[in-house]
C-alpha cells in the first residue's frame, strides 16, 4: 500500500537540511512509481542535482514507509 502523499512530502521536509537549499517539493505516487519534483535554489545545476540525490537518499534511508523505492 502506498503511504499518503502528504506523509511522503512531509518526510522530504523533515529530512532536508538548510544547506540542501530545498524550496519546494512535490510527491506523486502511481502504482510502483514515485514521482518527486524539487526546487533547490543552488546557483548551478550540478549543485542542485547533487542536493536532490542527497535528499532523496537520506529520505529513503531514514523513512521505512519509503523503503520500497530507490532512485533510477
N, C-alpha and C. Protein backbone atom coordinates (compact mmCIF):
# COMPACT_ATOMS: atom_id res chain seq x y z
N UNK A 1 0.84 -1.19 0.00
CA UNK A 1 0.00 0.00 0.00
C UNK A 1 0.88 1.25 0.00
N UNK A 2 0.54 2.21 -0.83
CA UNK A 2 1.29 3.46 -0.92
C UNK A 2 0.93 4.37 0.25
N UNK A 3 1.95 4.92 0.93
CA UNK A 3 1.67 5.86 2.03
C UNK A 3 0.98 7.12 1.48
N UNK A 4 0.24 7.84 2.33
CA UNK A 4 -0.40 9.08 1.89
C UNK A 4 0.63 10.09 1.36
N UNK A 5 0.24 10.79 0.31
CA UNK A 5 1.13 11.76 -0.33
C UNK A 5 1.65 12.79 0.67
N UNK A 6 0.79 13.31 1.54
CA UNK A 6 1.23 14.34 2.48
C UNK A 6 2.30 13.80 3.43
N UNK A 7 2.18 12.56 3.87
CA UNK A 7 3.21 11.97 4.74
C UNK A 7 4.53 11.84 4.00
N UNK A 8 4.47 11.47 2.73
CA UNK A 8 5.72 11.35 1.96
C UNK A 8 6.34 12.72 1.75
N UNK A 9 5.52 13.71 1.43
CA UNK A 9 6.03 15.07 1.25
C UNK A 9 6.64 15.59 2.54
N UNK A 10 5.96 15.38 3.65
CA UNK A 10 6.47 15.80 4.96
C UNK A 10 7.82 15.15 5.28
N UNK A 11 8.01 13.92 4.84
CA UNK A 11 9.28 13.23 5.09
C UNK A 11 10.43 13.95 4.39
N UNK A 12 10.19 14.48 3.19
CA UNK A 12 11.25 15.22 2.49
C UNK A 12 11.60 16.50 3.23
N UNK A 13 10.59 17.20 3.72
CA UNK A 13 10.86 18.41 4.51
C UNK A 13 11.58 18.07 5.82
N UNK A 14 11.16 17.01 6.46
CA UNK A 14 11.74 16.63 7.75
C UNK A 14 13.21 16.23 7.62
N UNK A 15 13.58 15.66 6.49
CA UNK A 15 14.95 15.17 6.33
C UNK A 15 15.82 16.06 5.46
N UNK A 16 15.30 17.20 5.05
CA UNK A 16 16.16 18.15 4.33
C UNK A 16 16.92 18.99 5.36
N UNK A 17 18.03 19.53 4.91
CA UNK A 17 18.87 20.38 5.77
C UNK A 17 19.00 21.74 5.12
N UNK A 18 19.38 22.71 5.90
CA UNK A 18 19.48 24.08 5.38
C UNK A 18 20.39 24.16 4.16
N UNK A 19 21.49 23.42 4.16
CA UNK A 19 22.43 23.50 3.03
C UNK A 19 21.94 22.75 1.79
N UNK A 20 20.82 22.03 1.88
CA UNK A 20 20.22 21.42 0.69
C UNK A 20 19.56 22.50 -0.17
N UNK A 21 19.18 23.60 0.45
CA UNK A 21 18.51 24.72 -0.22
C UNK A 21 17.19 24.31 -0.89
N UNK A 22 16.45 23.43 -0.20
CA UNK A 22 15.16 22.96 -0.71
C UNK A 22 14.12 24.06 -0.54
N UNK A 23 13.51 24.46 -1.66
CA UNK A 23 12.49 25.49 -1.62
C UNK A 23 11.09 24.96 -1.84
N UNK A 24 10.98 23.82 -2.51
CA UNK A 24 9.67 23.22 -2.80
C UNK A 24 9.87 21.74 -3.09
N UNK A 25 8.91 20.94 -2.67
CA UNK A 25 8.92 19.52 -3.02
C UNK A 25 7.48 19.08 -3.27
N UNK A 26 7.31 18.27 -4.30
CA UNK A 26 6.02 17.69 -4.63
C UNK A 26 6.23 16.20 -4.88
N UNK A 27 5.37 15.39 -4.28
CA UNK A 27 5.48 13.94 -4.42
C UNK A 27 4.17 13.41 -5.00
N UNK A 28 4.30 12.52 -5.97
CA UNK A 28 3.16 11.83 -6.58
C UNK A 28 3.47 10.35 -6.64
N UNK A 29 2.48 9.54 -6.42
CA UNK A 29 2.68 8.09 -6.49
C UNK A 29 1.61 7.48 -7.37
N UNK A 30 2.06 6.55 -8.21
CA UNK A 30 1.14 5.82 -9.06
C UNK A 30 1.65 4.41 -9.24
N UNK A 31 0.99 3.46 -8.64
CA UNK A 31 1.45 2.08 -8.72
C UNK A 31 2.81 1.92 -8.06
N UNK A 32 3.77 1.46 -8.83
CA UNK A 32 5.11 1.24 -8.27
C UNK A 32 6.06 2.41 -8.55
N UNK A 33 5.52 3.52 -9.09
CA UNK A 33 6.35 4.67 -9.45
C UNK A 33 6.09 5.80 -8.47
N UNK A 34 7.18 6.39 -7.99
CA UNK A 34 7.12 7.54 -7.11
C UNK A 34 7.74 8.72 -7.86
N UNK A 35 6.95 9.76 -8.08
CA UNK A 35 7.45 10.95 -8.76
C UNK A 35 7.76 12.03 -7.74
N UNK A 36 8.97 12.58 -7.84
CA UNK A 36 9.40 13.61 -6.90
C UNK A 36 9.89 14.81 -7.71
N UNK A 37 9.32 15.97 -7.44
CA UNK A 37 9.79 17.21 -8.06
C UNK A 37 10.28 18.13 -6.95
N UNK A 38 11.46 18.68 -7.13
CA UNK A 38 12.04 19.57 -6.13
C UNK A 38 12.54 20.84 -6.78
N UNK A 39 12.40 21.93 -6.06
CA UNK A 39 13.06 23.18 -6.42
C UNK A 39 14.14 23.39 -5.37
N UNK A 40 15.38 23.46 -5.83
CA UNK A 40 16.51 23.70 -4.94
C UNK A 40 17.22 24.95 -5.45
N UNK A 41 17.46 25.91 -4.59
CA UNK A 41 17.99 27.20 -5.03
C UNK A 41 19.52 27.24 -5.06
N UNK A 42 20.11 26.24 -5.67
CA UNK A 42 21.56 26.22 -5.87
C UNK A 42 21.90 27.07 -7.10
N UNK A 43 23.07 27.67 -7.13
CA UNK A 43 23.42 28.55 -8.25
C UNK A 43 23.69 27.82 -9.56
N UNK A 44 23.91 26.52 -9.52
CA UNK A 44 24.16 25.78 -10.76
C UNK A 44 23.45 24.42 -10.71
N UNK A 45 23.28 23.82 -11.89
CA UNK A 45 22.52 22.57 -11.97
C UNK A 45 23.24 21.42 -11.28
N UNK A 46 24.56 21.42 -11.28
CA UNK A 46 25.29 20.32 -10.61
C UNK A 46 25.03 20.32 -9.11
N UNK A 47 25.06 21.49 -8.51
CA UNK A 47 24.79 21.59 -7.09
C UNK A 47 23.36 21.19 -6.76
N UNK A 48 22.42 21.60 -7.60
CA UNK A 48 21.02 21.24 -7.38
C UNK A 48 20.81 19.74 -7.54
N UNK A 49 21.42 19.16 -8.57
CA UNK A 49 21.28 17.72 -8.79
C UNK A 49 21.88 16.93 -7.64
N UNK A 50 23.06 17.32 -7.21
CA UNK A 50 23.71 16.64 -6.09
C UNK A 50 22.85 16.72 -4.83
N UNK A 51 22.31 17.90 -4.55
CA UNK A 51 21.46 18.07 -3.37
C UNK A 51 20.19 17.24 -3.49
N UNK A 52 19.59 17.19 -4.68
CA UNK A 52 18.36 16.40 -4.87
C UNK A 52 18.62 14.92 -4.61
N UNK A 53 19.70 14.40 -5.15
CA UNK A 53 20.05 13.00 -4.93
C UNK A 53 20.33 12.75 -3.45
N UNK A 54 21.04 13.66 -2.81
CA UNK A 54 21.36 13.53 -1.39
C UNK A 54 20.10 13.51 -0.54
N UNK A 55 19.18 14.44 -0.81
CA UNK A 55 17.93 14.49 -0.04
C UNK A 55 17.13 13.19 -0.25
N UNK A 56 16.99 12.76 -1.50
CA UNK A 56 16.25 11.53 -1.77
C UNK A 56 16.86 10.33 -1.05
N UNK A 57 18.16 10.19 -1.15
CA UNK A 57 18.81 9.05 -0.48
C UNK A 57 18.65 9.13 1.03
N UNK A 58 18.72 10.32 1.58
CA UNK A 58 18.55 10.49 3.02
C UNK A 58 17.14 10.10 3.44
N UNK A 59 16.15 10.52 2.68
CA UNK A 59 14.76 10.18 3.00
C UNK A 59 14.53 8.68 2.87
N UNK A 60 15.00 8.09 1.77
CA UNK A 60 14.81 6.65 1.59
C UNK A 60 15.50 5.84 2.69
N UNK A 61 16.63 6.33 3.17
CA UNK A 61 17.37 5.63 4.22
C UNK A 61 16.67 5.71 5.57
N UNK A 62 16.06 6.86 5.87
CA UNK A 62 15.52 7.09 7.21
C UNK A 62 14.01 6.92 7.34
N UNK A 63 13.31 6.70 6.25
CA UNK A 63 11.85 6.58 6.31
C UNK A 63 11.42 5.20 5.85
N UNK A 64 11.08 4.32 6.78
CA UNK A 64 10.66 2.97 6.42
C UNK A 64 9.50 2.95 5.43
N UNK A 65 8.58 3.93 5.50
CA UNK A 65 7.44 3.91 4.59
C UNK A 65 7.87 4.11 3.14
N UNK A 66 9.08 4.64 2.92
CA UNK A 66 9.56 4.87 1.56
C UNK A 66 10.63 3.86 1.15
N UNK A 67 10.88 2.88 1.98
CA UNK A 67 11.94 1.91 1.69
C UNK A 67 11.73 1.08 0.41
N UNK A 68 10.48 0.91 -0.07
CA UNK A 68 10.35 0.14 -1.32
C UNK A 68 10.92 0.86 -2.55
N UNK A 69 11.14 2.18 -2.47
CA UNK A 69 11.58 2.93 -3.63
C UNK A 69 13.07 3.22 -3.62
N UNK A 70 13.62 3.36 -4.79
CA UNK A 70 15.02 3.74 -4.98
C UNK A 70 15.09 4.73 -6.14
N UNK A 71 16.23 5.38 -6.29
CA UNK A 71 16.43 6.27 -7.44
C UNK A 71 16.86 5.46 -8.65
N UNK A 72 16.30 5.79 -9.78
CA UNK A 72 16.70 5.16 -11.04
C UNK A 72 17.31 6.21 -11.94
